[in-house]
Amino acid sequence: MSMVQQEKVAWFSNEVFLPLEWLQSVQATMVLSVIFSVLSLFLFFCQLFTLTKGGRFYITGFFQILAGLCVMSAAAIYTVRHSEWHTNTEYSYGFAYILAWVAFPLALLSGIIYVILRKRE
């Protein structure tokens, strides 16, 4: 086998694509967190009009806490695997990474507030 053929085989091998599987899991969990957040917003509006007086927004809070946990797991996976993706030390995490870590406690806090919150007249 010539050197060019060996390079083509190495390029199409799984070793090239395997390290990016973690990036797909980060993307999937972030998409799940957005879906859970939007779902909790719609559930809040539905419960706002259907819940009896004094009732708590348990379902809304549950989905908001789930969204916060998805953000946390995505940011944690990205933190652990960042060095595999950026081998050059000139790169930094960036503003989206910091925004994800800020969004995590805020999503958990809003989920806890939804659970504590009672419907008023």
PDB file of N, CA and C in Angstrom:
ATOM      1  N   MET A   1       0.849  -1.168   0.000  1.00  0.00           N
ATOM      2  CA  MET A   1       0.000   0.000   0.000  1.00  0.00           C
ATOM      3  C   MET A   1       0.901   1.240   0.000  1.00  0.00           C
ATOM      4  N   SER A   2       0.556   2.179  -0.844  1.00  0.00           N
ATOM      5  CA  SER A   2       1.387   3.383  -0.925  1.00  0.00           C
ATOM      6  C   SER A   2       1.084   4.317   0.241  1.00  0.00           C
ATOM      7  N   MET A   3       1.912   5.330   0.383  1.00  0.00           N
ATOM      8  CA  MET A   3       1.755   6.287   1.481  1.00  0.00           C
ATOM      9  C   MET A   3       0.453   7.084   1.344  1.00  0.00           C
ATOM     10  N   VAL A   4       0.067   7.420   0.122  1.00  0.00           N
ATOM     11  CA  VAL A   4      -1.172   8.172  -0.107  1.00  0.00           C
ATOM     12  C   VAL A   4      -2.374   7.321   0.267  1.00  0.00           C
ATOM     13  N   GLN A   5      -2.359   6.034  -0.091  1.00  0.00           N
ATOM     14  CA  GLN A   5      -3.465   5.157   0.254  1.00  0.00           C
ATOM     15  C   GLN A   5      -3.562   4.971   1.762  1.00  0.00           C
ATOM     16  N   GLN A   6      -2.432   4.895   2.456  1.00  0.00           N
ATOM     17  CA  GLN A   6      -2.454   4.758   3.903  1.00  0.00           C
ATOM     18  C   GLN A   6      -3.039   6.004   4.559  1.00  0.00           C
ATOM     19  N   GLU A   7      -2.736   7.176   4.033  1.00  0.00           N
ATOM     20  CA  GLU A   7      -3.303   8.415   4.582  1.00  0.00           C
ATOM     21  C   GLU A   7      -4.805   8.458   4.384  1.00  0.00           C
ATOM     22  N   LYS A   8      -5.294   7.994   3.218  1.00  0.00           N
ATOM     23  CA  LYS A   8      -6.740   7.983   2.969  1.00  0.00           C
ATOM     24  C   LYS A   8      -7.443   7.012   3.915  1.00  0.00           C
ATOM     25  N   VAL A   9      -6.838   5.858   4.154  1.00  0.00           N
ATOM     26  CA  VAL A   9      -7.419   4.882   5.078  1.00  0.00           C
ATOM     27  C   VAL A   9      -7.452   5.463   6.485  1.00  0.00           C
ATOM     28  N   ALA A  10      -6.378   6.108   6.897  1.00  0.00           N
ATOM     29  CA  ALA A  10      -6.335   6.713   8.227  1.00  0.00           C
ATOM     30  C   ALA A  10      -7.351   7.843   8.340  1.00  0.00           C
ATOM     31  N   TRP A  11      -7.569   8.577   7.269  1.00  0.00           N
ATOM     32  CA  TRP A  11      -8.527   9.688   7.310  1.00  0.00           C
ATOM     33  C   TRP A  11      -9.953   9.184   7.504  1.00  0.00           C
ATOM     34  N   PHE A  12     -10.304   8.056   6.878  1.00  0.00           N
ATOM     35  CA  PHE A  12     -11.657   7.542   6.969  1.00  0.00           C
ATOM     36  C   PHE A  12     -11.860   6.562   8.120  1.00  0.00           C
ATOM     37  N   SER A  13     -10.863   6.344   8.906  1.00  0.00           N
ATOM     38  CA  SER A  13     -11.018   5.421  10.028  1.00  0.00           C
ATOM     39  C   SER A  13     -11.828   6.086  11.143  1.00  0.00           C
ATOM     40  N   ASN A  14     -12.289   5.285  12.066  1.00  0.00           N
ATOM     41  CA  ASN A  14     -13.104   5.799  13.168  1.00  0.00           C
ATOM     42  C   ASN A  14     -12.314   6.663  14.135  1.00  0.00           C
ATOM     43  N   GLU A  15     -11.009   6.550  14.121  1.00  0.00           N
ATOM     44  CA  GLU A  15     -10.195   7.329  15.046  1.00  0.00           C
ATOM     45  C   GLU A  15     -10.334   8.820  14.820  1.00  0.00           C
ATOM     46  N   VAL A  16     -10.640   9.221  13.598  1.00  0.00           N
ATOM     47  CA  VAL A  16     -10.794  10.638  13.286  1.00  0.00           C
ATOM     48  C   VAL A  16     -12.102  11.160  13.864  1.00  0.00           C
ATOM     49  N   PHE A  17     -13.145  10.371  13.842  1.00  0.00           N
ATOM     50  CA  PHE A  17     -14.470  10.851  14.209  1.00  0.00           C
ATOM     51  C   PHE A  17     -14.862  10.536  15.645  1.00  0.00           C
ATOM     52  N   LEU A  18     -14.218   9.590  16.289  1.00  0.00           N
ATOM     53  CA  LEU A  18     -14.608   9.214  17.644  1.00  0.00           C
ATOM     54  C   LEU A  18     -14.470  10.327  18.680  1.00  0.00           C
ATOM     55  N   PRO A  19     -13.430  11.143  18.670  1.00  0.00           N
ATOM     56  CA  PRO A  19     -13.338  12.171  19.711  1.00  0.00           C
ATOM     57  C   PRO A  19     -14.467  13.205  19.666  1.00  0.00           C
ATOM     58  N   LEU A  20     -15.159  13.337  18.540  1.00  0.00           N
ATOM     59  CA  LEU A  20     -16.216  14.334  18.450  1.00  0.00           C
ATOM     60  C   LEU A  20     -17.577  13.804  18.894  1.00  0.00           C
ATOM     61  N   GLU A  21     -17.654  12.547  19.306  1.00  0.00           N
ATOM     62  CA  GLU A  21     -18.925  12.025  19.800  1.00  0.00           C
ATOM     63  C   GLU A  21     -19.358  12.745  21.070  1.00  0.00           C
ATOM     64  N   TRP A  22     -18.416  13.135  21.895  1.00  0.00           N
ATOM     65  CA  TRP A  22     -18.750  13.868  23.114  1.00  0.00           C
ATOM     66  C   TRP A  22     -19.351  15.226  22.775  1.00  0.00           C
ATOM     67  N   LEU A  23     -18.919  15.810  21.670  1.00  0.00           N
ATOM     68  CA  LEU A  23     -19.463  17.107  21.267  1.00  0.00           C
ATOM     69  C   LEU A  23     -20.926  16.968  20.856  1.00  0.00           C
ATOM     70  N   GLN A  24     -21.277  15.854  20.242  1.00  0.00           N
ATOM     71  CA  GLN A  24     -22.671  15.596  19.895  1.00  0.00           C
ATOM     72  C   GLN A  24     -23.521  15.403  21.142  1.00  0.00           C
ATOM     73  N   SER A  25     -22.959  14.806  22.175  1.00  0.00           N
ATOM     74  CA  SER A  25     -23.725  14.653  23.418  1.00  0.00           C
ATOM     75  C   SER A  25     -23.926  16.008  24.098  1.00  0.00           C
ATOM     76  N   VAL A  26     -22.938  16.895  23.997  1.00  0.00           N
ATOM     77  CA  VAL A  26     -23.096  18.251  24.534  1.00  0.00           C
ATOM     78  C   VAL A  26     -24.202  18.979  23.783  1.00  0.00           C
ATOM     79  N   GLN A  27     -24.199  18.879  22.465  1.00  0.00           N
ATOM     80  CA  GLN A  27     -25.227  19.534  21.665  1.00  0.00           C
ATOM     81  C   GLN A  27     -26.611  18.971  21.969  1.00  0.00           C
ATOM     82  N   ALA A  28     -26.705  17.658  22.118  1.00  0.00           N
ATOM     83  CA  ALA A  28     -28.000  17.026  22.387  1.00  0.00           C
ATOM     84  C   ALA A  28     -28.550  17.439  23.746  1.00  0.00           C
ATOM     85  N   THR A  29     -27.706  17.487  24.767  1.00  0.00           N
ATOM     86  CA  THR A  29     -28.208  17.877  26.082  1.00  0.00           C
ATOM     87  C   THR A  29     -28.582  19.353  26.137  1.00  0.00           C
ATOM     88  N   MET A  30     -27.887  20.192  25.381  1.00  0.00           N
ATOM     89  CA  MET A  30     -28.277  21.604  25.328  1.00  0.00           C
ATOM     90  C   MET A  30     -29.605  21.784  24.596  1.00  0.00           C
ATOM     91  N   VAL A  31     -29.824  21.017  23.537  1.00  0.00           N
ATOM     92  CA  VAL A  31     -31.116  21.071  22.837  1.00  0.00           C
ATOM     93  C   VAL A  31     -32.221  20.567  23.764  1.00  0.00           C
ATOM     94  N   LEU A  32     -31.941  19.507  24.512  1.00  0.00           N
ATOM     95  CA  LEU A  32     -32.924  19.015  25.481  1.00  0.00           C
ATOM     96  C   LEU A  32     -33.248  20.066  26.538  1.00  0.00           C
ATOM     97  N   SER A  33     -32.256  20.807  26.981  1.00  0.00           N
ATOM     98  CA  SER A  33     -32.513  21.840  27.988  1.00  0.00           C
ATOM     99  C   SER A  33     -33.385  22.953  27.437  1.00  0.00           C
ATOM    100  N   VAL A  34     -33.186  23.311  26.182  1.00  0.00           N
ATOM    101  CA  VAL A  34     -34.043  24.329  25.564  1.00  0.00           C
ATOM    102  C   VAL A  34     -35.473  23.794  25.440  1.00  0.00           C
ATOM    103  N   ILE A  35     -35.611  22.542  25.036  1.00  0.00           N
ATOM    104  CA  ILE A  35     -36.949  21.945  24.909  1.00  0.00           C
ATOM    105  C   ILE A  35     -37.652  21.896  26.270  1.00  0.00           C
ATOM    106  N   PHE A  36     -36.935  21.488  27.313  1.00  0.00           N
ATOM    107  CA  PHE A  36     -37.529  21.437  28.648  1.00  0.00           C
ATOM    108  C   PHE A  36     -37.898  22.839  29.160  1.00  0.00           C
ATOM    109  N   SER A  37     -37.099  23.832  28.840  1.00  0.00           N
ATOM    110  CA  SER A  37     -37.407  25.202  29.274  1.00  0.00           C
ATOM    111  C   SER A  37     -38.655  25.732  28.582  1.00  0.00           C
ATOM    112  N   VAL A  38     -38.757  25.508  27.282  1.00  0.00           N
ATOM    113  CA  VAL A  38     -39.942  25.965  26.541  1.00  0.00           C
ATOM    114  C   VAL A  38     -41.175  25.203  27.005  1.00  0.00           C
ATOM    115  N   LEU A  39     -41.008  23.913  27.257  1.00  0.00           N
ATOM    116  CA  LEU A  39     -42.118  23.106  27.756  1.00  0.00           C
ATOM    117  C   LEU A  39     -42.577  23.600  29.126  1.00  0.00           C
ATOM    118  N   SER A  40     -41.639  23.956  29.979  1.00  0.00           N
ATOM    119  CA  SER A  40     -42.025  24.456  31.302  1.00  0.00           C
ATOM    120  C   SER A  40     -42.729  25.808  31.194  1.00  0.00           C
ATOM    121  N   LEU A  41     -42.344  26.627  30.216  1.00  0.00           N
ATOM    122  CA  LEU A  41     -43.045  27.901  30.025  1.00  0.00           C
ATOM    123  C   LEU A  41     -44.493  27.670  29.603  1.00  0.00           C
ATOM    124  N   PHE A  42     -44.705  26.768  28.641  1.00  0.00           N
ATOM    125  CA  PHE A  42     -46.067  26.461  28.214  1.00  0.00           C
ATOM    126  C   PHE A  42     -46.880  25.805  29.331  1.00  0.00           C
ATOM    127  N   LEU A  43     -46.247  24.932  30.078  1.00  0.00           N
ATOM    128  CA  LEU A  43     -46.946  24.310  31.206  1.00  0.00           C
ATOM    129  C   LEU A  43     -47.302  25.333  32.276  1.00  0.00           C
ATOM    130  N   PHE A  44     -46.446  26.320  32.464  1.00  0.00           N
ATOM    131  CA  PHE A  44     -46.753  27.376  33.430  1.00  0.00           C
ATOM    132  C   PHE A  44     -48.008  28.129  33.022  1.00  0.00           C
ATOM    133  N   PHE A  45     -48.099  28.476  31.737  1.00  0.00           N
ATOM    134  CA  PHE A  45     -49.297  29.191  31.285  1.00  0.00           C
ATOM    135  C   PHE A  45     -50.537  28.315  31.375  1.00  0.00           C
ATOM    136  N   CYS A  46     -50.409  27.035  31.071  1.00  0.00           N
ATOM    137  CA  CYS A  46     -51.558  26.126  31.200  1.00  0.00           C
ATOM    138  C   CYS A  46     -51.974  25.979  32.658  1.00  0.00           C
ATOM    139  N   GLN A  47     -51.003  25.822  33.550  1.00  0.00           N
ATOM    140  CA  GLN A  47     -51.327  25.675  34.962  1.00  0.00           C
ATOM    141  C   GLN A  47     -51.835  26.978  35.562  1.00  0.00           C
ATOM    142  N   LEU A  48     -51.419  28.085  35.003  1.00  0.00           N
ATOM    143  CA  LEU A  48     -51.863  29.380  35.504  1.00  0.00           C
ATOM    144  C   LEU A  48     -53.372  29.534  35.365  1.00  0.00           C
ATOM    145  N   PHE A  49     -53.921  28.982  34.281  1.00  0.00           N
ATOM    146  CA  PHE A  49     -55.358  29.110  34.052  1.00  0.00           C
ATOM    147  C   PHE A  49     -56.159  27.919  34.554  1.00  0.00           C
ATOM    148  N   THR A  50     -55.545  26.779  34.809  1.00  0.00           N
ATOM    149  CA  THR A  50     -56.296  25.593  35.224  1.00  0.00           C
ATOM    150  C   THR A  50     -56.089  25.213  36.682  1.00  0.00           C
ATOM    151  N   LEU A  51     -55.036  25.689  37.319  1.00  0.00           N
ATOM    152  CA  LEU A  51     -54.730  25.306  38.695  1.00  0.00           C
ATOM    153  C   LEU A  51     -55.688  25.992  39.665  1.00  0.00           C
ATOM    154  N   THR A  52     -56.060  25.271  40.704  1.00  0.00           N
ATOM    155  CA  THR A  52     -56.943  25.860  41.710  1.00  0.00           C
ATOM    156  C   THR A  52     -56.154  26.822  42.591  1.00  0.00           C
ATOM    157  N   LYS A  53     -56.875  27.643  43.317  1.00  0.00           N
ATOM    158  CA  LYS A  53     -56.218  28.624  44.191  1.00  0.00           C
ATOM    159  C   LYS A  53     -55.425  27.892  45.276  1.00  0.00           C
ATOM    160  N   GLY A  54     -54.183  28.338  45.494  1.00  0.00           N
ATOM    161  CA  GLY A  54     -53.315  27.723  46.484  1.00  0.00           C
ATOM    162  C   GLY A  54     -52.515  26.551  45.964  1.00  0.00           C
ATOM    163  N   GLY A  55     -52.733  26.169  44.711  1.00  0.00           N
ATOM    164  CA  GLY A  55     -51.993  25.045  44.132  1.00  0.00           C
ATOM    165  C   GLY A  55     -50.557  25.424  43.793  1.00  0.00           C
ATOM    166  N   ARG A  56     -49.721  24.442  43.726  1.00  0.00           N
ATOM    167  CA  ARG A  56     -48.306  24.680  43.410  1.00  0.00           C
ATOM    168  C   ARG A  56     -48.002  24.223  41.984  1.00  0.00           C
ATOM    169  N   PHE A  57     -46.983  24.812  41.405  1.00  0.00           N
ATOM    170  CA  PHE A  57     -46.594  24.534  40.025  1.00  0.00           C
ATOM    171  C   PHE A  57     -45.513  23.442  39.993  1.00  0.00           C
ATOM    172  N   TYR A  58     -45.885  22.236  40.423  1.00  0.00           N
ATOM    173  CA  TYR A  58     -44.919  21.146  40.517  1.00  0.00           C
ATOM    174  C   TYR A  58     -44.402  20.700  39.148  1.00  0.00           C
ATOM    175  N   ILE A  59     -45.280  20.529  38.194  1.00  0.00           N
ATOM    176  CA  ILE A  59     -44.871  20.027  36.876  1.00  0.00           C
ATOM    177  C   ILE A  59     -43.957  21.030  36.187  1.00  0.00           C
ATOM    178  N   THR A  60     -44.301  22.307  36.281  1.00  0.00           N
ATOM    179  CA  THR A  60     -43.470  23.349  35.687  1.00  0.00           C
ATOM    180  C   THR A  60     -42.089  23.377  36.324  1.00  0.00           C
ATOM    181  N   GLY A  61     -42.038  23.293  37.627  1.00  0.00           N
ATOM    182  CA  GLY A  61     -40.762  23.285  38.330  1.00  0.00           C
ATOM    183  C   GLY A  61     -39.924  22.071  38.005  1.00  0.00           C
ATOM    184  N   PHE A  62     -40.579  20.917  37.860  1.00  0.00           N
ATOM    185  CA  PHE A  62     -39.859  19.694  37.524  1.00  0.00           C
ATOM    186  C   PHE A  62     -39.146  19.824  36.182  1.00  0.00           C
ATOM    187  N   PHE A  63     -39.847  20.328  35.164  1.00  0.00           N
ATOM    188  CA  PHE A  63     -39.234  20.467  33.852  1.00  0.00           C
ATOM    189  C   PHE A  63     -38.161  21.553  33.829  1.00  0.00           C
ATOM    190  N   GLN A  64     -38.314  22.576  34.626  1.00  0.00           N
ATOM    191  CA  GLN A  64     -37.288  23.612  34.692  1.00  0.00           C
ATOM    192  C   GLN A  64     -36.021  23.089  35.392  1.00  0.00           C
ATOM    193  N   ILE A  65     -36.194  22.306  36.431  1.00  0.00           N
ATOM    194  CA  ILE A  65     -35.043  21.690  37.101  1.00  0.00           C
ATOM    195  C   ILE A  65     -34.361  20.698  36.164  1.00  0.00           C
ATOM    196  N   LEU A  66     -35.149  19.961  35.393  1.00  0.00           N
ATOM    197  CA  LEU A  66     -34.591  19.043  34.405  1.00  0.00           C
ATOM    198  C   LEU A  66     -33.776  19.797  33.352  1.00  0.00           C
ATOM    199  N   ALA A  67     -34.259  20.961  32.939  1.00  0.00           N
ATOM    200  CA  ALA A  67     -33.508  21.789  31.986  1.00  0.00           C
ATOM    201  C   ALA A  67     -32.188  22.251  32.593  1.00  0.00           C
ATOM    202  N   GLY A  68     -32.204  22.637  33.853  1.00  0.00           N
ATOM    203  CA  GLY A  68     -30.976  23.050  34.520  1.00  0.00           C
ATOM    204  C   GLY A  68     -29.968  21.924  34.633  1.00  0.00           C
ATOM    205  N   LEU A  69     -30.445  20.716  34.910  1.00  0.00           N
ATOM    206  CA  LEU A  69     -29.542  19.568  34.996  1.00  0.00           C
ATOM    207  C   LEU A  69     -28.952  19.205  33.631  1.00  0.00           C
ATOM    208  N   CYS A  70     -29.736  19.405  32.571  1.00  0.00           N
ATOM    209  CA  CYS A  70     -29.201  19.171  31.226  1.00  0.00           C
ATOM    210  C   CYS A  70     -28.105  20.175  30.889  1.00  0.00           C
ATOM    211  N   VAL A  71     -28.299  21.430  31.270  1.00  0.00           N
ATOM    212  CA  VAL A  71     -27.270  22.442  31.041  1.00  0.00           C
ATOM    213  C   VAL A  71     -26.010  22.095  31.826  1.00  0.00           C
ATOM    214  N   MET A  72     -26.186  21.651  33.068  1.00  0.00           N
ATOM    215  CA  MET A  72     -25.034  21.296  33.889  1.00  0.00           C
ATOM    216  C   MET A  72     -24.259  20.131  33.289  1.00  0.00           C
ATOM    217  N   SER A  73     -24.965  19.106  32.832  1.00  0.00           N
ATOM    218  CA  SER A  73     -24.265  17.949  32.275  1.00  0.00           C
ATOM    219  C   SER A  73     -23.556  18.305  30.977  1.00  0.00           C
ATOM    220  N   ALA A  74     -24.166  19.145  30.152  1.00  0.00           N
ATOM    221  CA  ALA A  74     -23.506  19.561  28.910  1.00  0.00           C
ATOM    222  C   ALA A  74     -22.260  20.383  29.194  1.00  0.00           C
ATOM    223  N   ALA A  75     -22.353  21.311  30.120  1.00  0.00           N
ATOM    224  CA  ALA A  75     -21.185  22.135  30.453  1.00  0.00           C
ATOM    225  C   ALA A  75     -20.091  21.303  31.112  1.00  0.00           C
ATOM    226  N   ALA A  76     -20.469  20.321  31.900  1.00  0.00           N
ATOM    227  CA  ALA A  76     -19.473  19.462  32.551  1.00  0.00           C
ATOM    228  C   ALA A  76     -18.752  18.576  31.534  1.00  0.00           C
ATOM    229  N   ILE A  77     -19.491  18.019  30.593  1.00  0.00           N
ATOM    230  CA  ILE A  77     -18.863  17.204  29.547  1.00  0.00           C
ATOM    231  C   ILE A  77     -17.919  18.063  28.721  1.00  0.00           C
ATOM    232  N   TYR A  78     -18.348  19.260  28.376  1.00  0.00           N
ATOM    233  CA  TYR A  78     -17.504  20.162  27.596  1.00  0.00           C
ATOM    234  C   TYR A  78     -16.245  20.549  28.371  1.00  0.00           C
ATOM    235  N   THR A  79     -16.383  20.749  29.670  1.00  0.00           N
ATOM    236  CA  THR A  79     -15.226  21.105  30.485  1.00  0.00           C
ATOM    237  C   THR A  79     -14.195  19.983  30.500  1.00  0.00           C
ATOM    238  N   VAL A  80     -14.653  18.762  30.638  1.00  0.00           N
ATOM    239  CA  VAL A  80     -13.742  17.623  30.722  1.00  0.00           C
ATOM    240  C   VAL A  80     -13.067  17.357  29.377  1.00  0.00           C
ATOM    241  N   ARG A  81     -13.802  17.490  28.284  1.00  0.00           N
ATOM    242  CA  ARG A  81     -13.284  17.116  26.971  1.00  0.00           C
ATOM    243  C   ARG A  81     -12.704  18.278  26.165  1.00  0.00           C
ATOM    244  N   HIS A  82     -12.680  19.471  26.696  1.00  0.00           N
ATOM    245  CA  HIS A  82     -12.227  20.639  25.942  1.00  0.00           C
ATOM    246  C   HIS A  82     -10.780  20.508  25.484  1.00  0.00           C
ATOM    247  N   SER A  83      -9.928  19.918  26.283  1.00  0.00           N
ATOM    248  CA  SER A  83      -8.516  19.803  25.917  1.00  0.00           C
ATOM    249  C   SER A  83      -8.294  18.861  24.742  1.00  0.00           C
ATOM    250  N   GLU A  84      -9.197  17.893  24.517  1.00  0.00           N
ATOM    251  CA  GLU A  84      -9.069  17.000  23.377  1.00  0.00           C
ATOM    252  C   GLU A  84      -9.369  17.720  22.067  1.00  0.00           C
ATOM    253  N   TRP A  85     -10.250  18.688  22.131  1.00  0.00           N
ATOM    254  CA  TRP A  85     -10.709  19.360  20.922  1.00  0.00           C
ATOM    255  C   TRP A  85      -9.766  20.490  20.541  1.00  0.00           C
ATOM    256  N   HIS A  86      -9.352  21.269  21.505  1.00  0.00           N
ATOM    257  CA  HIS A  86      -8.424  22.378  21.271  1.00  0.00           C
ATOM    258  C   HIS A  86      -7.052  21.998  21.824  1.00  0.00           C
ATOM    259  N   THR A  87      -6.219  21.486  20.952  1.00  0.00           N
ATOM    260  CA  THR A  87      -4.883  21.130  21.408  1.00  0.00           C
ATOM    261  C   THR A  87      -3.981  22.350  21.504  1.00  0.00           C
ATOM    262  N   ASN A  88      -4.330  23.403  20.781  1.00  0.00           N
ATOM    263  CA  ASN A  88      -3.554  24.633  20.852  1.00  0.00           C
ATOM    264  C   ASN A  88      -3.948  25.393  22.120  1.00  0.00           C
ATOM    265  N   THR A  89      -2.989  25.914  22.839  1.00  0.00           N
ATOM    266  CA  THR A  89      -3.279  26.594  24.103  1.00  0.00           C
ATOM    267  C   THR A  89      -3.738  28.032  23.924  1.00  0.00           C
ATOM    268  N   GLU A  90      -3.771  28.536  22.680  1.00  0.00           N
ATOM    269  CA  GLU A  90      -4.209  29.908  22.446  1.00  0.00           C
ATOM    270  C   GLU A  90      -5.713  30.059  22.608  1.00  0.00           C
ATOM    271  N   TYR A  91      -6.468  28.982  22.460  1.00  0.00           N
ATOM    272  CA  TYR A  91      -7.921  29.056  22.530  1.00  0.00           C
ATOM    273  C   TYR A  91      -8.389  29.158  23.968  1.00  0.00           C
ATOM    274  N   SER A  92      -9.508  29.853  24.156  1.00  0.00           N
ATOM    275  CA  SER A  92     -10.125  29.925  25.473  1.00  0.00           C
ATOM    276  C   SER A  92     -11.527  29.328  25.382  1.00  0.00           C
ATOM    277  N   TYR A  93     -12.195  29.248  26.504  1.00  0.00           N
ATOM    278  CA  TYR A  93     -13.529  28.658  26.518  1.00  0.00           C
ATOM    279  C   TYR A  93     -14.556  29.523  25.807  1.00  0.00           C
ATOM    280  N   GLY A  94     -14.515  30.812  25.964  1.00  0.00           N
ATOM    281  CA  GLY A  94     -15.432  31.703  25.271  1.00  0.00           C
ATOM    282  C   GLY A  94     -16.623  32.080  26.114  1.00  0.00           C
ATOM    283  N   PHE A  95     -17.416  33.011  25.583  1.00  0.00           N
ATOM    284  CA  PHE A  95     -18.536  33.549  26.343  1.00  0.00           C
ATOM    285  C   PHE A  95     -19.692  32.563  26.463  1.00  0.00           C
ATOM    286  N   ALA A  96     -19.889  31.678  25.484  1.00  0.00           N
ATOM    287  CA  ALA A  96     -20.997  30.720  25.541  1.00  0.00           C
ATOM    288  C   ALA A  96     -20.796  29.708  26.666  1.00  0.00           C
ATOM    289  N   TYR A  97     -19.547  29.355  26.916  1.00  0.00           N
ATOM    290  CA  TYR A  97     -19.231  28.438  28.008  1.00  0.00           C
ATOM    291  C   TYR A  97     -19.570  29.078  29.353  1.00  0.00           C
ATOM    292  N   ILE A  98     -19.183  30.328  29.523  1.00  0.00           N
ATOM    293  CA  ILE A  98     -19.480  31.051  30.767  1.00  0.00           C
ATOM    294  C   ILE A  98     -20.984  31.249  30.907  1.00  0.00           C
ATOM    295  N   LEU A  99     -21.654  31.536  29.800  1.00  0.00           N
ATOM    296  CA  LEU A  99     -23.106  31.709  29.823  1.00  0.00           C
ATOM    297  C   LEU A  99     -23.818  30.423  30.227  1.00  0.00           C
ATOM    298  N   ALA A 100     -23.291  29.278  29.795  1.00  0.00           N
ATOM    299  CA  ALA A 100     -23.892  27.999  30.181  1.00  0.00           C
ATOM    300  C   ALA A 100     -23.758  27.769  31.683  1.00  0.00           C
ATOM    301  N   TRP A 101     -22.600  28.085  32.270  1.00  0.00           N
ATOM    302  CA  TRP A 101     -22.431  27.901  33.712  1.00  0.00           C
ATOM    303  C   TRP A 101     -23.238  28.918  34.510  1.00  0.00           C
ATOM    304  N   VAL A 102     -23.530  30.071  33.938  1.00  0.00           N
ATOM    305  CA  VAL A 102     -24.401  31.042  34.614  1.00  0.00           C
ATOM    306  C   VAL A 102     -25.858  30.593  34.500  1.00  0.00           C
ATOM    307  N   ALA A 103     -26.221  30.005  33.358  1.00  0.00           N
ATOM    308  CA  ALA A 103     -27.602  29.564  33.142  1.00  0.00           C
ATOM    309  C   ALA A 103     -27.978  28.384  34.019  1.00  0.00           C
ATOM    310  N   PHE A 104     -27.007  27.550  34.364  1.00  0.00           N
ATOM    311  CA  PHE A 104     -27.300  26.363  35.178  1.00  0.00           C
ATOM    312  C   PHE A 104     -27.894  26.710  36.541  1.00  0.00           C
ATOM    313  N   PRO A 105     -27.257  27.537  37.371  1.00  0.00           N
ATOM    314  CA  PRO A 105     -27.884  27.824  38.669  1.00  0.00           C
ATOM    315  C   PRO A 105     -29.151  28.652  38.537  1.00  0.00           C
ATOM    316  N   LEU A 106     -29.234  29.481  37.501  1.00  0.00           N
ATOM    317  CA  LEU A 106     -30.456  30.272  37.312  1.00  0.00           C
ATOM    318  C   LEU A 106     -31.637  29.382  36.939  1.00  0.00           C
ATOM    319  N   ALA A 107     -31.407  28.365  36.111  1.00  0.00           N
ATOM    320  CA  ALA A 107     -32.481  27.437  35.758  1.00  0.00           C
ATOM    321  C   ALA A 107     -32.910  26.611  36.960  1.00  0.00           C
ATOM    322  N   LEU A 108     -31.950  26.174  37.766  1.00  0.00           N
ATOM    323  CA  LEU A 108     -32.305  25.437  38.984  1.00  0.00           C
ATOM    324  C   LEU A 108     -33.079  26.321  39.960  1.00  0.00           C
ATOM    325  N   LEU A 109     -32.630  27.562  40.098  1.00  0.00           N
ATOM    326  CA  LEU A 109     -33.309  28.484  41.002  1.00  0.00           C
ATOM    327  C   LEU A 109     -34.736  28.758  40.543  1.00  0.00           C
ATOM    328  N   SER A 110     -34.931  28.953  39.253  1.00  0.00           N
ATOM    329  CA  SER A 110     -36.292  29.196  38.772  1.00  0.00           C
ATOM    330  C   SER A 110     -37.169  27.960  38.935  1.00  0.00           C
ATOM    331  N   GLY A 111     -36.587  26.764  38.785  1.00  0.00           N
ATOM    332  CA  GLY A 111     -37.362  25.542  39.019  1.00  0.00           C
ATOM    333  C   GLY A 111     -37.777  25.406  40.469  1.00  0.00           C
ATOM    334  N   ILE A 112     -36.884  25.754  41.383  1.00  0.00           N
ATOM    335  CA  ILE A 112     -37.216  25.700  42.815  1.00  0.00           C
ATOM    336  C   ILE A 112     -38.279  26.742  43.146  1.00  0.00           C
ATOM    337  N   ILE A 113     -38.173  27.904  42.542  1.00  0.00           N
ATOM    338  CA  ILE A 113     -39.180  28.947  42.784  1.00  0.00           C
ATOM    339  C   ILE A 113     -40.536  28.512  42.244  1.00  0.00           C
ATOM    340  N   TYR A 114     -40.556  27.832  41.086  1.00  0.00           N
ATOM    341  CA  TYR A 114     -41.825  27.318  40.562  1.00  0.00           C
ATOM    342  C   TYR A 114     -42.456  26.321  41.527  1.00  0.00           C
ATOM    343  N   VAL A 115     -41.640  25.471  42.147  1.00  0.00           N
ATOM    344  CA  VAL A 115     -42.181  24.475  43.072  1.00  0.00           C
ATOM    345  C   VAL A 115     -42.716  25.157  44.334  1.00  0.00           C
ATOM    346  N   ILE A 116     -42.039  26.180  44.814  1.00  0.00           N
ATOM    347  CA  ILE A 116     -42.457  26.887  46.016  1.00  0.00           C
ATOM    348  C   ILE A 116     -43.661  27.790  45.766  1.00  0.00           C
ATOM    349  N   LEU A 117     -43.744  28.317  44.548  1.00  0.00           N
ATOM    350  CA  LEU A 117     -44.771  29.300  44.195  1.00  0.00           C
ATOM    351  C   LEU A 117     -46.176  28.713  44.320  1.00  0.00           C
ATOM    352  N   ARG A 118     -47.081  29.510  44.867  1.00  0.00           N
ATOM    353  CA  ARG A 118     -48.487  29.126  44.951  1.00  0.00           C
ATOM    354  C   ARG A 118     -49.321  30.065  44.086  1.00  0.00           C
ATOM    355  N   LYS A 119     -50.395  29.527  43.538  1.00  0.00           N
ATOM    356  CA  LYS A 119     -51.270  30.342  42.710  1.00  0.00           C
ATOM    357  C   LYS A 119     -52.140  31.203  43.609  1.00  0.00           C
ATOM    358  N   ARG A 120     -52.205  32.492  43.241  1.00  0.00           N
ATOM    359  CA  ARG A 120     -53.061  33.430  43.971  1.00  0.00           C
ATOM    360  C   ARG A 120     -54.276  33.769  43.134  1.00  0.00           C
ATOM    361  N   GLU A 121     -55.236  34.344  43.735  1.00  0.00           N
ATOM    362  CA  GLU A 121     -56.476  34.755  43.065  1.00  0.00           C
ATOM    363  C   GLU A 121     -56.273  36.007  42.274  1.00  0.00           C
TER     364      GLU A 121
END
